[in-house]
Amino acid sequence: MTDQNQTPTGNGAQDPAETGPALVVVHQFLKDFSFENPLGSETPAALTEAPTGTIRVDVRVKPLTPPDIEVTLFMSVDAKIGERSVYLTECEYAGTFRLGRVPQEHVLPLVMIEAPRLLFPFARQVIANAVAAGGFPPLLINPVDFVAMYRERREEMLKQAEAQKAAG
C-alpha cells in the first residue's frame, strides 16, 4: 500500500514549490463601480420594452512584488431603449494573483485568460445586482471568451511591435 500524500524521492523528486498551482487567488475585491440611471423616477413608465445595448470588457494588468500581480476585469454596460439611454454601469473587479513556477511562455496566457476567467462570475453578479436594484429587468451577461480576447490583443501587440521595428 502506498501513501498518496508522500512526496516522491530519489531522482524523480519534485520540490512542492515546483508542483504547486500555476495561479493562486490571493485576494479579490471590487476596485471601482458606478451605476447611472438617467431616467430616475421615470424608469417604470419608460420600460415599454426590454433595454438593449453594448457590453464592453477589458483586462488590465499591474505587476506587484513578484510573484504577485494584480489583474482587473473592467466591464461596462450601456443600455438603451431606442436612442434613449436607460442605464450605464461600469465595474472594475480585481484580484491579486500569485504566479507559481511556470514557463515564461505560459505567464501571459495565465494572466490574460485564466485570471479574468476566475474574476468574471463575481463581476457579473455585482453588475446584475446593481441593474436589478436600479429597477430594471435582470441582466444576464453571457460568459466571455477570454481566449479570443487574448489572441486578438496579442495580434495587435505583434503588429505594433513590427511597425515600431520598421519605423526605427
Protein backbone atom coordinates (compact mmCIF):
# COMPACT_ATOMS: atom_id res chain seq x y z
CA MET A 1 0.00 0.00 0.00
CA THR A 2 1.33 3.46 -0.86
CA ASP A 3 0.79 6.76 0.87
CA GLN A 4 -0.78 9.14 -1.67
CA ASN A 5 0.41 12.15 0.35
CA GLN A 6 4.02 11.04 0.26
CA THR A 7 6.44 13.20 -1.76
CA PRO A 8 8.47 11.34 -4.39
CA THR A 9 12.14 10.89 -3.52
CA GLY A 10 15.31 9.98 -5.35
CA ASN A 11 15.96 11.11 -8.95
CA GLY A 12 12.24 11.74 -9.56
CA ALA A 13 11.96 14.04 -6.51
CA GLN A 14 9.91 17.17 -7.01
CA ASP A 15 10.04 20.25 -4.85
CA PRO A 16 6.47 21.07 -3.66
CA ALA A 17 7.02 24.67 -4.84
CA GLU A 18 7.63 23.36 -8.36
CA THR A 19 4.47 21.25 -8.38
CA GLY A 20 2.19 23.86 -6.76
CA PRO A 21 -0.63 25.59 -8.60
CA ALA A 22 0.30 27.81 -11.53
CA LEU A 23 -2.04 30.59 -10.37
CA VAL A 24 -3.41 31.29 -6.90
CA VAL A 25 -6.01 33.90 -5.98
CA VAL A 26 -4.56 35.78 -3.02
CA HIS A 27 -7.28 38.41 -2.73
CA GLN A 28 -10.20 39.67 -4.82
CA PHE A 29 -12.09 42.91 -4.48
CA LEU A 30 -14.38 45.47 -6.08
CA LYS A 31 -11.98 48.22 -7.17
CA ASP A 32 -14.38 50.74 -8.74
CA PHE A 33 -18.07 50.76 -9.56
CA SER A 34 -20.66 53.18 -10.89
CA PHE A 35 -24.30 52.92 -11.88
CA GLU A 36 -26.19 55.73 -13.61
CA ASN A 37 -29.94 55.80 -14.08
CA PRO A 38 -30.69 58.97 -16.10
CA LEU A 39 -34.42 58.21 -16.09
CA GLY A 40 -34.76 58.30 -12.31
CA SER A 41 -38.42 58.15 -11.30
CA GLU A 42 -39.44 57.82 -14.97
CA THR A 43 -37.90 54.33 -15.11
CA PRO A 44 -41.09 52.25 -14.75
CA ALA A 45 -43.01 54.26 -17.38
CA ALA A 46 -40.06 54.26 -19.79
CA LEU A 47 -39.69 50.48 -19.76
CA THR A 48 -42.06 49.81 -22.63
CA GLU A 49 -39.62 47.19 -23.94
CA ALA A 50 -36.50 45.41 -22.73
CA PRO A 51 -33.39 47.58 -22.94
CA THR A 52 -30.67 46.63 -25.41
CA GLY A 53 -27.14 47.87 -25.55
CA THR A 54 -23.47 47.14 -25.57
CA ILE A 55 -21.24 45.34 -23.12
CA ARG A 56 -17.56 46.20 -23.16
CA VAL A 57 -14.92 44.03 -21.49
CA ASP A 58 -11.24 44.70 -20.92
CA VAL A 59 -8.46 43.16 -18.87
CA ARG A 60 -5.81 45.29 -17.20
CA VAL A 61 -2.65 44.00 -15.55
CA LYS A 62 -0.46 45.67 -12.93
CA PRO A 63 2.73 43.96 -11.75
CA LEU A 64 3.21 43.88 -7.98
CA THR A 65 6.08 42.48 -5.94
CA PRO A 66 6.99 39.21 -7.72
CA PRO A 67 5.46 36.69 -7.95
CA ASP A 68 2.25 38.67 -7.33
CA ILE A 69 0.28 40.51 -9.98
CA GLU A 70 -2.97 42.48 -9.95
CA VAL A 71 -5.49 41.69 -12.68
CA THR A 72 -8.51 43.96 -13.14
CA LEU A 73 -11.54 42.93 -15.15
CA PHE A 74 -13.29 46.03 -16.50
CA MET A 75 -16.88 45.67 -17.68
CA SER A 76 -19.30 48.36 -18.81
CA VAL A 77 -22.90 48.12 -19.92
CA ASP A 78 -24.65 50.91 -21.81
CA ALA A 79 -28.34 50.03 -22.04
CA LYS A 80 -30.83 51.90 -24.22
CA ILE A 81 -34.40 51.77 -25.37
CA GLY A 82 -34.27 53.08 -28.90
CA GLU A 83 -31.87 56.02 -28.75
CA ARG A 84 -32.62 56.84 -25.12
CA SER A 85 -30.06 55.78 -22.52
CA VAL A 86 -31.72 53.98 -19.63
CA TYR A 87 -28.68 52.97 -17.58
CA LEU A 88 -24.92 52.87 -17.69
CA THR A 89 -22.82 50.81 -15.35
CA GLU A 90 -19.08 50.32 -15.08
CA CYS A 91 -17.36 47.79 -12.88
CA GLU A 92 -13.70 47.18 -12.13
CA TYR A 93 -13.37 43.90 -10.28
CA ALA A 94 -9.81 42.96 -9.43
CA GLY A 95 -7.75 40.24 -7.88
CA THR A 96 -4.25 39.80 -6.59
CA PHE A 97 -2.82 36.62 -8.04
CA ARG A 98 0.34 34.72 -7.19
CA LEU A 99 2.10 33.07 -10.09
CA GLY A 100 3.57 29.64 -9.50
CA ARG A 101 6.62 28.29 -11.23
CA VAL A 102 5.50 28.21 -14.83
CA PRO A 103 7.43 28.56 -18.08
CA GLN A 104 7.68 32.18 -19.22
CA GLU A 105 5.59 31.49 -22.34
CA HIS A 106 2.65 30.44 -20.11
CA VAL A 107 2.66 33.53 -17.88
CA LEU A 108 0.81 35.88 -20.24
CA PRO A 109 -1.98 33.38 -21.06
CA LEU A 110 -2.44 32.66 -17.33
CA VAL A 111 -2.69 36.36 -16.53
CA MET A 112 -4.82 37.37 -19.53
CA ILE A 113 -7.10 34.32 -19.76
CA GLU A 114 -7.31 32.33 -16.53
CA ALA A 115 -7.21 35.22 -14.03
CA PRO A 116 -10.09 37.18 -15.64
CA ARG A 117 -12.00 33.92 -16.08
CA LEU A 118 -11.83 33.48 -12.30
CA LEU A 119 -12.97 37.08 -11.67
CA PHE A 120 -15.79 37.14 -14.22
CA PRO A 121 -18.59 35.45 -12.22
CA PHE A 122 -18.12 37.91 -9.36
CA ALA A 123 -18.09 41.00 -11.60
CA ARG A 124 -21.15 39.71 -13.46
CA GLN A 125 -23.01 39.29 -10.15
CA VAL A 126 -22.12 42.81 -8.97
CA ILE A 127 -23.50 44.25 -12.22
CA ALA A 128 -26.62 42.06 -12.15
CA ASN A 129 -27.41 43.14 -8.58
CA ALA A 130 -26.97 46.83 -9.43
CA VAL A 131 -29.18 46.59 -12.52
CA ALA A 132 -31.93 44.87 -10.50
CA ALA A 133 -31.59 47.45 -7.69
CA GLY A 134 -31.96 50.16 -10.34
CA GLY A 135 -35.43 48.83 -11.16
CA PHE A 136 -34.56 47.18 -14.45
CA PRO A 137 -35.17 43.67 -15.80
CA PRO A 138 -32.46 41.14 -14.90
CA LEU A 139 -29.26 41.43 -16.90
CA LEU A 140 -27.61 38.10 -17.60
CA ILE A 141 -24.18 38.60 -19.17
CA ASN A 142 -23.04 35.59 -21.18
CA PRO A 143 -19.60 34.13 -20.46
CA VAL A 144 -16.75 35.99 -22.13
CA ASP A 145 -14.29 34.25 -24.44
CA PHE A 146 -11.05 35.41 -22.83
CA VAL A 147 -9.03 33.18 -25.17
CA ALA A 148 -10.32 35.10 -28.20
CA MET A 149 -9.67 38.43 -26.43
CA TYR A 150 -6.11 37.34 -25.65
CA ARG A 151 -5.46 36.23 -29.23
CA GLU A 152 -6.85 39.49 -30.62
CA ARG A 153 -4.78 41.60 -28.23
CA ARG A 154 -1.68 39.51 -28.94
CA GLU A 155 -2.09 40.07 -32.68
CA GLU A 156 -2.43 43.82 -32.10
CA MET A 157 0.73 43.87 -29.95
CA LEU A 158 2.68 41.91 -32.58
CA LYS A 159 1.57 44.33 -35.33
CA GLN A 160 2.59 47.32 -33.18
CA ALA A 161 5.99 45.77 -32.45
CA GLU A 162 6.57 45.11 -36.19
CA ALA A 163 5.55 48.70 -37.02
CA GLN A 164 7.97 50.06 -34.42
CA LYS A 165 10.81 47.92 -35.81
CA ALA A 166 10.09 49.13 -39.36
CA ALA A 167 9.94 52.78 -38.22
CA GLY A 168 13.11 52.58 -36.09
